[in-house]
Amino acid sequence: MLKLSVLDLLPVRTDQTTADSVAAAVSLAKRADELGFTRYWVAEHHNMEAVAATSPAVLIAHLAGNTSRIRVGSGGVMLPNHAPLSVAEQFSLLEAMHPGRIDLGIGRAPGSDPVTAYMLRGARAEESGVDSFPGDVELVAGLLGSDDTPITDAFDASAQPGVVIPLRGRDYALRSTPRTESSPMLWLLGSSTYSAQLAARLGIAFVYAHHFGQTGIDTALDLYRREFQPSPGLVKPTTFLTVNAVLADTHEEAEALALPQLITMARLRSGGALGPRMTVEQAQAVTLNPMEEDLVAEQSARWIIGTPETAWPRLTALAAKYGVDEVMVSPIASDHDGQDARVGLGAEHTLELLAAQQRP
């Protein structure tokens, strides 16, 4: 059976506050949990009117505390914005609070504009991160390791996982948490062969950002699988597919719910500003220029938009094409004027219709 997961960017509509967007995410995560979805990931973006997800670790703690079974994680933490030890500590603590349910997805994109990147990174802002990124990922992986031995009165701190840092003529033991029984699952995110090759070399699970609409997924996945080196945390290459999707009871309604995000991305790709997501009625009142019309048409053809009868075969065909047994859906449906700002009805209905296709 095809496993289903959720990627939530925590969009903010024109009729929503940040609190409304977070409440809608909690509602969506609860519904995904009830419906049997495998994992629920949130992203990291900064200084964007359209996105409320600035701190994945804070959101994950909140979402995991409001769900009971589903894995919750980041899609992803932009590692150049953070000290590796800080990321490892946050996610080890999340794993301690919610054992067996935490994923740490790491990326190297800025997730923001240059000024915001500078404010986040300080003196490191001028660095590309390409040179330090592999070592930082490896450091996080080492810090996240779990101890397989039981915790007893004779607990041996020296046997705990961690790394050794040589500094000022001596070695320092560094651990992400004092006592750990399990560790979050580490994923490397990317939209290039660079990330695929790094994930393969380090023996880390890899996800290609297929929902971005970029080409190259075939090459990246082939490279990852072919060059994968088993590691203590992962014995075989592990990946899944990401897609943008809107499902509704009719094709016309699905198209209407998808239109606000289609326009948002068309404007972004043509050099426009990324403002709050419109409602359906606001989007339908927009007059697009020829370039925006072309971009909307291009994206609409690539995204999964339609009824269960038309969308599910496309989804399973994509999974078969790329050899995966899991698809992570970004439910990018907006909503109509006057609907509850604290619930994403279009996104929740998309998940409900997808889950119904899995039942015998």
Protein backbone atom coordinates (compact mmCIF):
# COMPACT_ATOMS: atom_id res chain seq x y z
CA MET A 1 0.00 0.00 0.00
CA LEU A 2 1.25 3.48 -0.86
CA LYS A 3 2.12 5.39 2.31
CA LEU A 4 1.03 9.02 2.50
CA SER A 5 2.61 11.92 4.39
CA VAL A 6 2.07 15.69 4.65
CA LEU A 7 4.28 18.72 4.05
CA ASP A 8 2.78 21.86 5.61
CA LEU A 9 4.39 25.23 4.79
CA LEU A 10 1.97 26.95 7.20
CA PRO A 11 0.61 29.40 4.62
CA VAL A 12 -1.01 32.59 5.86
CA ARG A 13 -4.13 33.69 3.96
CA THR A 14 -5.21 37.31 3.61
CA ASP A 15 -7.90 36.64 6.23
CA GLN A 16 -5.57 34.93 8.73
CA THR A 17 -3.25 35.95 11.54
CA THR A 18 -0.17 33.92 12.47
CA ALA A 19 -2.19 32.40 15.31
CA ASP A 20 -4.89 31.37 12.83
CA SER A 21 -2.30 29.71 10.57
CA VAL A 22 -0.82 27.74 13.48
CA ALA A 23 -4.29 26.68 14.63
CA ALA A 24 -5.05 25.47 11.10
CA ALA A 25 -1.80 23.48 11.12
CA VAL A 26 -2.77 21.81 14.40
CA SER A 27 -6.18 20.93 12.98
CA LEU A 28 -4.61 19.54 9.79
CA ALA A 29 -2.02 17.52 11.74
CA LYS A 30 -4.73 16.02 13.94
CA ARG A 31 -6.73 15.03 10.86
CA ALA A 32 -3.64 13.49 9.22
CA ASP A 33 -3.00 11.55 12.43
CA GLU A 34 -6.58 10.24 12.51
CA LEU A 35 -6.45 9.27 8.83
CA GLY A 36 -3.29 7.19 9.20
CA PHE A 37 -0.75 9.39 7.42
CA THR A 38 2.87 8.40 8.07
CA ARG A 39 4.56 11.73 8.84
CA TYR A 40 3.84 15.46 9.05
CA TRP A 41 6.62 17.90 8.20
CA VAL A 42 6.91 21.67 8.53
CA ALA A 43 9.40 23.93 6.78
CA GLU A 44 11.64 26.85 7.74
CA HIS A 45 11.09 30.24 6.08
CA HIS A 46 11.85 33.73 7.32
CA ASN A 47 10.56 37.27 6.74
CA MET A 48 7.73 36.14 4.46
CA GLU A 49 4.18 37.45 4.76
CA ALA A 50 2.88 34.25 3.20
CA VAL A 51 4.47 31.73 5.58
CA ALA A 52 4.20 31.34 9.37
CA ALA A 53 6.78 28.54 9.74
CA THR A 54 9.84 30.38 11.05
CA SER A 55 10.88 27.86 13.74
CA PRO A 56 10.44 24.15 12.91
CA ALA A 57 11.49 22.88 16.34
CA VAL A 58 8.88 25.03 18.12
CA LEU A 59 6.15 23.95 15.71
CA ILE A 60 7.14 20.28 15.93
CA ALA A 61 6.89 20.35 19.72
CA HIS A 62 3.41 21.88 19.47
CA LEU A 63 2.18 19.54 16.72
CA ALA A 64 3.60 16.39 18.29
CA GLY A 65 1.96 17.36 21.59
CA ASN A 66 -1.40 17.65 19.84
CA THR A 67 -1.15 14.29 18.00
CA SER A 68 -0.61 10.75 19.22
CA ARG A 69 0.85 8.52 16.49
CA ILE A 70 2.07 10.33 13.38
CA ARG A 71 5.79 11.12 12.95
CA VAL A 72 6.45 14.87 13.06
CA GLY A 73 9.49 16.54 11.56
CA SER A 74 11.16 19.28 9.57
CA GLY A 75 11.12 19.68 5.85
CA GLY A 76 13.45 21.16 6.67
CA VAL A 77 15.78 22.94 9.07
CA MET A 78 18.13 25.14 7.02
CA LEU A 79 21.37 24.12 8.70
CA PRO A 80 23.51 27.13 7.62
CA ASN A 81 21.18 29.30 9.74
CA HIS A 82 22.01 27.37 12.92
CA ALA A 83 24.83 25.95 15.00
CA PRO A 84 24.90 22.15 14.46
CA LEU A 85 24.97 21.47 18.21
CA SER A 86 21.87 23.62 18.73
CA VAL A 87 19.94 21.68 16.05
CA ALA A 88 21.06 18.32 17.48
CA GLU A 89 20.08 19.35 21.01
CA GLN A 90 16.64 20.60 19.95
CA PHE A 91 15.77 17.44 18.05
CA SER A 92 17.24 15.06 20.62
CA LEU A 93 15.03 16.76 23.20
CA LEU A 94 12.02 16.48 20.90
CA GLU A 95 12.79 12.76 20.49
CA ALA A 96 13.01 12.37 24.27
CA MET A 97 9.57 13.98 24.60
CA HIS A 98 8.05 11.98 21.72
CA PRO A 99 10.08 8.76 21.30
CA GLY A 100 10.03 7.20 17.83
CA ARG A 101 8.06 10.07 16.29
CA ILE A 102 10.60 12.74 15.32
CA ASP A 103 12.22 13.35 11.91
CA LEU A 104 15.02 15.86 11.33
CA GLY A 105 15.11 16.95 7.70
CA ILE A 106 18.08 19.21 6.89
CA GLY A 107 18.58 21.54 3.94
CA ARG A 108 21.21 24.09 2.95
CA ALA A 109 19.07 26.77 1.23
CA PRO A 110 18.80 30.11 3.08
CA GLY A 111 15.03 30.00 3.44
CA SER A 112 15.02 33.79 3.36
CA ASP A 113 16.28 36.95 1.69
CA PRO A 114 19.96 38.05 1.98
CA VAL A 115 19.30 40.58 4.74
CA THR A 116 17.44 38.05 6.89
CA ALA A 117 20.15 35.47 6.23
CA TYR A 118 22.72 37.97 7.49
CA MET A 119 20.72 38.60 10.66
CA LEU A 120 20.38 34.85 11.27
CA ARG A 121 23.94 33.89 10.48
CA GLY A 122 25.92 36.94 11.58
CA ALA A 123 29.56 36.73 10.52
CA ARG A 124 28.88 33.48 8.64
CA ALA A 125 26.36 35.17 6.31
CA GLU A 126 28.94 35.89 3.63
CA GLU A 127 29.90 32.21 3.42
CA SER A 128 28.13 30.03 0.86
CA GLY A 129 27.98 27.10 3.25
CA VAL A 130 29.01 24.66 0.52
CA ASP A 131 32.39 23.96 2.10
CA SER A 132 31.19 23.65 5.71
CA PHE A 133 27.82 22.02 5.04
CA PRO A 134 29.02 18.38 4.66
CA GLY A 135 30.99 18.58 7.89
CA ASP A 136 28.07 20.22 9.71
CA VAL A 137 25.68 17.48 8.55
CA GLU A 138 28.16 14.82 9.66
CA LEU A 139 28.49 16.54 13.03
CA VAL A 140 24.71 16.58 13.54
CA ALA A 141 24.54 12.89 12.59
CA GLY A 142 27.22 12.04 15.13
CA LEU A 143 25.52 14.01 17.87
CA LEU A 144 22.14 12.36 17.22
CA GLY A 145 23.28 8.75 17.68
CA SER A 146 21.42 6.70 20.29
CA ASP A 147 22.74 4.33 22.94
CA ASP A 148 21.48 0.76 22.51
CA THR A 149 22.35 -0.29 26.07
CA PRO A 150 19.76 -0.03 28.87
CA ILE A 151 20.00 2.90 31.26
CA THR A 152 20.85 1.49 34.69
CA ASP A 153 22.32 2.65 37.98
CA ALA A 154 25.70 1.77 36.52
CA PHE A 155 25.14 4.13 33.61
CA ASP A 156 28.42 4.83 31.80
CA ALA A 157 28.44 8.32 30.36
CA SER A 158 31.51 7.54 28.26
CA ALA A 159 29.53 4.90 26.35
CA GLN A 160 26.92 7.43 25.28
CA PRO A 161 26.87 8.53 21.64
CA GLY A 162 28.45 11.78 20.62
CA VAL A 163 31.55 13.21 19.01
CA VAL A 164 35.01 14.18 20.15
CA ILE A 165 36.15 17.74 19.44
CA PRO A 166 39.88 18.53 19.59
CA LEU A 167 40.36 22.04 20.99
CA ARG A 168 43.32 23.82 22.55
CA GLY A 169 45.42 20.72 22.88
CA ARG A 170 42.84 18.37 24.36
CA ASP A 171 39.79 16.34 23.32
CA TYR A 172 36.28 17.30 24.45
CA ALA A 173 33.34 14.88 24.42
CA LEU A 174 30.22 16.49 22.95
CA ARG A 175 26.72 15.04 23.26
CA SER A 176 23.33 16.34 22.19
CA THR A 177 21.64 15.16 25.39
CA PRO A 178 22.83 13.48 28.63
CA ARG A 179 20.94 10.20 28.28
CA THR A 180 19.28 9.06 25.09
CA GLU A 181 17.44 5.85 24.30
CA SER A 182 16.44 6.69 20.71
CA SER A 183 17.31 9.26 18.11
CA PRO A 184 15.32 11.22 15.51
CA MET A 185 15.54 9.96 11.96
CA LEU A 186 17.89 12.13 9.91
CA TRP A 187 16.99 13.15 6.34
CA LEU A 188 18.88 15.29 3.85
CA LEU A 189 16.70 17.46 1.61
CA GLY A 190 17.74 18.83 -1.74
CA SER A 191 16.91 19.78 -5.30
CA SER A 192 20.24 18.89 -6.88
CA THR A 193 22.72 16.06 -7.30
CA TYR A 194 24.94 17.75 -4.68
CA SER A 195 22.58 16.80 -1.84
CA ALA A 196 21.90 13.36 -3.33
CA GLN A 197 25.61 12.55 -3.46
CA LEU A 198 26.23 13.84 0.07
CA ALA A 199 23.32 11.81 1.48
CA ALA A 200 24.63 8.70 -0.28
CA ARG A 201 28.17 9.19 1.05
CA LEU A 202 27.02 9.75 4.64
CA GLY A 203 24.37 7.00 4.58
CA ILE A 204 21.44 9.34 5.26
CA ALA A 205 17.84 9.19 4.00
CA PHE A 206 17.30 11.60 1.10
CA VAL A 207 14.31 13.52 -0.26
CA TYR A 208 14.36 15.40 -3.57
CA ALA A 209 12.14 18.51 -3.56
CA HIS A 210 10.00 17.36 -6.48
CA HIS A 211 7.19 19.75 -5.47
CA PHE A 212 9.45 22.67 -6.47
CA GLY A 213 8.85 21.67 -10.08
CA GLN A 214 12.52 21.46 -10.99
CA THR A 215 13.87 18.81 -13.33
CA GLY A 216 16.57 16.36 -12.34
CA ILE A 217 14.81 14.01 -9.94
CA ASP A 218 15.66 10.96 -12.07
CA THR A 219 19.37 11.75 -12.03
CA ALA A 220 19.42 12.63 -8.33
CA LEU A 221 17.60 9.50 -7.14
CA ASP A 222 19.66 7.24 -9.39
CA LEU A 223 22.88 8.78 -8.06
CA TYR A 224 21.70 8.45 -4.45
CA ARG A 225 20.73 4.79 -4.80
CA ARG A 226 23.81 3.84 -6.78
CA GLU A 227 26.37 5.49 -4.50
CA PHE A 228 24.67 4.87 -1.13
CA GLN A 229 27.01 3.75 1.66
CA PRO A 230 25.33 2.03 4.64
CA SER A 231 25.75 3.80 7.99
CA PRO A 232 24.97 2.90 11.62
CA GLY A 233 21.70 4.78 11.25
CA LEU A 234 20.57 3.49 7.85
CA VAL A 235 21.38 0.22 6.08
CA LYS A 236 19.75 0.90 2.71
CA PRO A 237 18.84 3.94 0.58
CA THR A 238 15.58 5.50 1.75
CA THR A 239 13.61 8.17 -0.04
CA PHE A 240 10.11 9.30 -0.98
CA LEU A 241 8.36 11.64 -3.41
CA THR A 242 6.96 15.13 -2.71
CA VAL A 243 4.08 16.65 -4.70
CA ASN A 244 1.68 19.60 -4.57
CA ALA A 245 -1.91 18.40 -4.54
CA VAL A 246 -5.50 19.60 -4.32
CA LEU A 247 -8.38 17.14 -4.35
CA ALA A 248 -12.07 18.03 -4.25
CA ASP A 249 -15.42 16.44 -5.04
CA THR A 250 -15.44 18.06 -8.49
CA HIS A 251 -12.64 19.04 -10.84
CA GLU A 252 -13.97 22.61 -10.99
CA GLU A 253 -13.77 22.99 -7.21
CA ALA A 254 -10.25 21.55 -7.12
CA GLU A 255 -9.14 24.07 -9.75
CA ALA A 256 -10.74 26.91 -7.79
CA LEU A 257 -9.02 25.88 -4.54
CA ALA A 258 -5.65 25.56 -6.30
CA LEU A 259 -5.83 28.93 -8.10
CA PRO A 260 -4.61 31.15 -5.19
CA GLN A 261 -1.40 29.15 -4.79
CA LEU A 262 -0.94 28.89 -8.55
CA ILE A 263 -1.06 32.68 -8.82
CA THR A 264 1.24 33.10 -5.81
CA MET A 265 3.91 30.88 -7.35
CA ALA A 266 3.48 32.40 -10.82
CA ARG A 267 4.09 35.87 -9.39
CA LEU A 268 7.09 34.67 -7.40
CA ARG A 269 8.65 32.97 -10.42
CA SER A 270 8.12 36.08 -12.56
CA GLY A 271 9.87 38.36 -10.06
CA GLY A 272 6.85 39.47 -8.04
CA ALA A 273 6.43 39.73 -4.28
CA LEU A 274 5.31 36.79 -2.15
CA GLY A 275 2.26 38.19 -0.37
CA PRO A 276 -0.30 36.38 1.81
CA ARG A 277 -2.27 33.67 0.05
CA MET A 278 -5.54 34.89 -1.48
CA THR A 279 -8.93 33.34 -0.90
CA VAL A 280 -10.61 31.62 -3.87
CA GLU A 281 -12.81 34.64 -4.60
CA GLN A 282 -9.88 37.06 -4.46
CA ALA A 283 -7.88 34.88 -6.86
CA GLN A 284 -10.78 34.60 -9.29
CA ALA A 285 -10.93 38.42 -9.47
CA VAL A 286 -7.26 38.70 -10.53
CA THR A 287 -6.33 39.57 -14.11
CA LEU A 288 -3.12 37.75 -15.05
CA ASN A 289 -0.59 39.02 -17.53
CA PRO A 290 0.52 36.64 -20.34
CA MET A 291 3.62 35.45 -18.47
CA GLU A 292 1.60 34.68 -15.34
CA GLU A 293 -1.02 32.85 -17.41
CA ASP A 294 1.66 30.63 -18.90
CA LEU A 295 3.17 29.89 -15.50
CA VAL A 296 -0.23 29.07 -14.00
CA ALA A 297 -0.96 26.67 -16.87
CA GLU A 298 2.48 25.04 -16.58
CA GLN A 299 2.18 24.48 -12.84
CA SER A 300 -1.43 23.35 -13.03
CA ALA A 301 -0.46 20.58 -15.44
CA ARG A 302 2.36 19.41 -13.17
CA TRP A 303 0.55 19.53 -9.81
CA ILE A 304 -2.01 16.89 -8.79
CA ILE A 305 -5.31 18.77 -9.10
CA GLY A 306 -8.67 17.04 -9.53
CA THR A 307 -11.05 14.48 -8.10
CA PRO A 308 -9.95 11.23 -6.42
CA GLU A 309 -10.78 9.35 -9.62
CA THR A 310 -8.31 11.41 -11.66
CA ALA A 311 -5.73 12.33 -8.99
CA TRP A 312 -5.07 8.96 -7.36
CA PRO A 313 -3.92 7.17 -10.56
CA ARG A 314 -1.49 10.05 -11.26
CA LEU A 315 -0.14 9.84 -7.72
CA THR A 316 0.41 6.08 -7.82
CA ALA A 317 1.94 6.34 -11.29
CA LEU A 318 4.47 8.90 -10.02
CA ALA A 319 5.36 6.65 -7.08
CA ALA A 320 5.87 3.70 -9.43
CA LYS A 321 7.93 5.78 -11.86
CA TYR A 322 10.39 6.85 -9.18
CA GLY A 323 10.37 3.57 -7.25
CA VAL A 324 9.03 4.85 -3.92
CA ASP A 325 6.41 3.48 -1.55
CA GLU A 326 5.67 6.83 0.13
CA VAL A 327 4.41 10.16 -1.20
CA MET A 328 4.53 13.38 0.82
CA VAL A 329 1.70 15.67 -0.26
CA SER A 330 1.74 19.43 0.16
CA PRO A 331 -2.01 20.19 0.30
CA ILE A 332 -1.89 23.66 -1.20
CA ALA A 333 -5.66 24.29 -1.32
CA SER A 334 -6.86 27.71 -0.23
CA ASP A 335 -10.39 28.40 1.04
CA HIS A 336 -13.43 30.52 0.24
CA ASP A 337 -14.34 33.89 1.70
CA GLY A 338 -16.03 33.67 5.09
CA GLN A 339 -14.72 30.23 6.07
CA ASP A 340 -13.19 29.58 9.49
CA ALA A 341 -9.73 31.17 9.49
CA ARG A 342 -8.45 28.62 12.03
CA VAL A 343 -9.19 25.58 9.84
CA GLY A 344 -7.95 24.79 6.34
CA LEU A 345 -11.05 23.05 4.99
CA GLY A 346 -9.63 22.60 1.49
CA ALA A 347 -6.39 21.06 2.77
CA GLU A 348 -8.20 18.76 5.19
CA HIS A 349 -10.62 17.56 2.51
CA THR A 350 -7.66 16.82 0.24
CA LEU A 351 -6.22 14.52 2.92
CA GLU A 352 -9.60 12.87 3.52
CA LEU A 353 -10.09 12.10 -0.16
CA LEU A 354 -6.55 10.72 -0.48
CA ALA A 355 -6.91 8.51 2.58
CA ALA A 356 -10.19 7.12 1.25
CA GLN A 357 -8.34 5.78 -1.80
CA GLN A 358 -6.20 3.55 0.41
CA ARG A 359 -9.15 1.68 1.86
CA PRO A 360 -10.13 -1.68 0.32
